[in-house]
Amino acid sequence: MCGATAGGPALAANVDPGREAIIQGVVTKGGSPVAGAYVRLLDRSGEFTAEVPTSATGHFRFFAGPGEWTLRTLAPGTKADQAVTATIGSIAEVEVALPA
């Protein structure tokens, strides 16, 4: 089990998760959170949409449009792709487990 906080950092008070399509999660490698990895959000056609670095606890978050997305996670010496569905009014929680 990873030591990262479930659900990630709290949402800002002015964010209404009922009106957003949120994709968030944690990046792990060997069960431990990975800080400083880059998570890219790719649309259905594989086009780059956004990128964020993971926090010190391995967390990331995107506010996306509803639909099918791919998360491409890049860390030194490894990468991983993971499909995810974003839905308005829902938080898609994702754990990206990088290969060791």
C-alpha atoms as a PDB file:
ATOM      1  CA  MET A   1       0.000   0.000   0.000  1.00  0.00           C
ATOM      2  CA  CYS A   2       1.300   3.456  -0.797  1.00  0.00           C
ATOM      3  CA  GLY A   3       1.721   6.077   1.911  1.00  0.00           C
ATOM      4  CA  ALA A   4      -0.037   8.810  -0.084  1.00  0.00           C
ATOM      5  CA  THR A   5      -3.234  10.398   1.188  1.00  0.00           C
ATOM      6  CA  ALA A   6      -6.328   8.800  -0.356  1.00  0.00           C
ATOM      7  CA  GLY A   7      -8.160  11.281  -2.570  1.00  0.00           C
ATOM      8  CA  GLY A   8      -5.247  13.677  -2.751  1.00  0.00           C
ATOM      9  CA  PRO A   9      -5.124  17.273  -1.619  1.00  0.00           C
ATOM     10  CA  ALA A  10      -8.397  19.006  -0.777  1.00  0.00           C
ATOM     11  CA  LEU A  11     -10.236  20.889  -3.505  1.00  0.00           C
ATOM     12  CA  ALA A  12     -10.381  24.679  -3.229  1.00  0.00           C
ATOM     13  CA  ALA A  13     -13.508  25.961  -1.491  1.00  0.00           C
ATOM     14  CA  ASN A  14     -14.779  27.565  -4.712  1.00  0.00           C
ATOM     15  CA  VAL A  15     -14.692  24.279  -6.684  1.00  0.00           C
ATOM     16  CA  ASP A  16     -18.003  22.446  -6.925  1.00  0.00           C
ATOM     17  CA  PRO A  17     -17.204  18.822  -7.828  1.00  0.00           C
ATOM     18  CA  GLY A  18     -20.839  18.374  -8.832  1.00  0.00           C
ATOM     19  CA  ARG A  19     -20.271  20.718 -11.790  1.00  0.00           C
ATOM     20  CA  GLU A  20     -16.827  19.483 -12.854  1.00  0.00           C
ATOM     21  CA  ALA A  21     -15.293  16.414 -14.508  1.00  0.00           C
ATOM     22  CA  ILE A  22     -12.261  15.741 -12.337  1.00  0.00           C
ATOM     23  CA  ILE A  23      -9.484  13.214 -12.913  1.00  0.00           C
ATOM     24  CA  GLN A  24      -7.106  12.843 -10.000  1.00  0.00           C
ATOM     25  CA  GLY A  25      -4.891  10.275  -8.427  1.00  0.00           C
ATOM     26  CA  VAL A  26      -1.490   9.205  -7.315  1.00  0.00           C
ATOM     27  CA  VAL A  27       1.558   7.853  -9.136  1.00  0.00           C
ATOM     28  CA  THR A  28       3.398   5.009  -7.412  1.00  0.00           C
ATOM     29  CA  LYS A  29       6.413   2.845  -8.148  1.00  0.00           C
ATOM     30  CA  GLY A  30       7.035  -0.245  -6.048  1.00  0.00           C
ATOM     31  CA  GLY A  31       4.194   0.851  -3.759  1.00  0.00           C
ATOM     32  CA  SER A  32       5.719   4.248  -2.926  1.00  0.00           C
ATOM     33  CA  PRO A  33       4.517   7.642  -4.198  1.00  0.00           C
ATOM     34  CA  VAL A  34       6.543   9.209  -7.017  1.00  0.00           C
ATOM     35  CA  ALA A  35       7.202  12.940  -6.663  1.00  0.00           C
ATOM     36  CA  GLY A  36       8.126  14.965  -9.740  1.00  0.00           C
ATOM     37  CA  ALA A  37       6.733  12.581 -12.354  1.00  0.00           C
ATOM     38  CA  TYR A  38       4.829  14.203 -15.221  1.00  0.00           C
ATOM     39  CA  VAL A  39       1.266  13.185 -16.011  1.00  0.00           C
ATOM     40  CA  ARG A  40      -0.061  14.146 -19.437  1.00  0.00           C
ATOM     41  CA  LEU A  41      -3.706  14.256 -20.426  1.00  0.00           C
ATOM     42  CA  LEU A  42      -4.265  13.033 -23.990  1.00  0.00           C
ATOM     43  CA  ASP A  43      -7.589  13.244 -25.823  1.00  0.00           C
ATOM     44  CA  ARG A  44      -9.271  10.394 -27.737  1.00  0.00           C
ATOM     45  CA  SER A  45      -7.047  10.959 -30.764  1.00  0.00           C
ATOM     46  CA  GLY A  46      -3.867  10.937 -28.645  1.00  0.00           C
ATOM     47  CA  GLU A  47      -3.371  14.702 -28.868  1.00  0.00           C
ATOM     48  CA  PHE A  48      -1.687  16.414 -25.922  1.00  0.00           C
ATOM     49  CA  THR A  49      -4.149  18.487 -23.868  1.00  0.00           C
ATOM     50  CA  ALA A  50      -2.420  19.238 -20.555  1.00  0.00           C
ATOM     51  CA  GLU A  51       0.437  18.197 -18.290  1.00  0.00           C
ATOM     52  CA  VAL A  52       1.051  18.466 -14.541  1.00  0.00           C
ATOM     53  CA  PRO A  53       3.903  17.339 -12.293  1.00  0.00           C
ATOM     54  CA  THR A  54       3.073  15.123  -9.343  1.00  0.00           C
ATOM     55  CA  SER A  55       3.281  16.629  -5.875  1.00  0.00           C
ATOM     56  CA  ALA A  56       5.676  15.532  -3.140  1.00  0.00           C
ATOM     57  CA  THR A  57       3.088  12.861  -2.266  1.00  0.00           C
ATOM     58  CA  GLY A  58       2.738  11.681  -5.883  1.00  0.00           C
ATOM     59  CA  HIS A  59      -0.676  13.304  -6.448  1.00  0.00           C
ATOM     60  CA  PHE A  60      -2.027  14.965  -9.581  1.00  0.00           C
ATOM     61  CA  ARG A  61      -5.349  16.491 -10.673  1.00  0.00           C
ATOM     62  CA  PHE A  62      -6.978  17.559 -13.949  1.00  0.00           C
ATOM     63  CA  PHE A  63     -10.234  19.389 -14.591  1.00  0.00           C
ATOM     64  CA  ALA A  64     -11.216  17.784 -17.893  1.00  0.00           C
ATOM     65  CA  GLY A  65     -14.139  17.723 -20.251  1.00  0.00           C
ATOM     66  CA  PRO A  66     -16.386  14.692 -20.032  1.00  0.00           C
ATOM     67  CA  GLY A  67     -15.302  11.718 -22.102  1.00  0.00           C
ATOM     68  CA  GLU A  68     -12.520   9.226 -22.675  1.00  0.00           C
ATOM     69  CA  TRP A  69      -8.953  10.276 -21.913  1.00  0.00           C
ATOM     70  CA  THR A  70      -5.493   8.725 -21.662  1.00  0.00           C
ATOM     71  CA  LEU A  71      -3.101   9.528 -18.846  1.00  0.00           C
ATOM     72  CA  ARG A  72       0.521   9.252 -19.955  1.00  0.00           C
ATOM     73  CA  THR A  73       2.815   9.210 -16.952  1.00  0.00           C
ATOM     74  CA  LEU A  74       6.527   9.872 -17.391  1.00  0.00           C
ATOM     75  CA  ALA A  75       9.210   9.325 -14.750  1.00  0.00           C
ATOM     76  CA  PRO A  76      12.946   8.702 -15.084  1.00  0.00           C
ATOM     77  CA  GLY A  77      13.461   5.391 -16.880  1.00  0.00           C
ATOM     78  CA  THR A  78       9.780   4.493 -17.223  1.00  0.00           C
ATOM     79  CA  LYS A  79       6.376   5.499 -18.541  1.00  0.00           C
ATOM     80  CA  ALA A  80       2.823   4.201 -18.414  1.00  0.00           C
ATOM     81  CA  ASP A  81      -0.444   4.885 -20.257  1.00  0.00           C
ATOM     82  CA  GLN A  82      -3.812   4.431 -18.598  1.00  0.00           C
ATOM     83  CA  ALA A  83      -7.316   4.995 -19.950  1.00  0.00           C
ATOM     84  CA  VAL A  84      -9.762   6.964 -17.811  1.00  0.00           C
ATOM     85  CA  THR A  85     -13.309   8.253 -18.211  1.00  0.00           C
ATOM     86  CA  ALA A  86     -14.243  11.719 -16.959  1.00  0.00           C
ATOM     87  CA  THR A  87     -17.857  12.439 -16.043  1.00  0.00           C
ATOM     88  CA  ILE A  88     -19.355  15.719 -14.889  1.00  0.00           C
ATOM     89  CA  GLY A  89     -20.319  15.440 -11.230  1.00  0.00           C
ATOM     90  CA  SER A  90     -17.820  12.670 -10.581  1.00  0.00           C
ATOM     91  CA  ILE A  91     -14.197  12.413  -9.494  1.00  0.00           C
ATOM     92  CA  ALA A  92     -12.289   9.718 -11.384  1.00  0.00           C
ATOM     93  CA  GLU A  93      -9.743   8.391  -8.868  1.00  0.00           C
ATOM     94  CA  VAL A  94      -6.743   6.773 -10.543  1.00  0.00           C
ATOM     95  CA  GLU A  95      -3.665   5.017  -9.214  1.00  0.00           C
ATOM     96  CA  VAL A  96      -0.911   4.855 -11.797  1.00  0.00           C
ATOM     97  CA  ALA A  97       1.485   2.069 -10.821  1.00  0.00           C
ATOM     98  CA  LEU A  98       4.730   2.524 -12.737  1.00  0.00           C
ATOM     99  CA  PRO A  99       6.762  -0.575 -13.589  1.00  0.00           C
ATOM    100  CA  ALA A 100       9.792  -1.039 -11.376  1.00  0.00           C
END
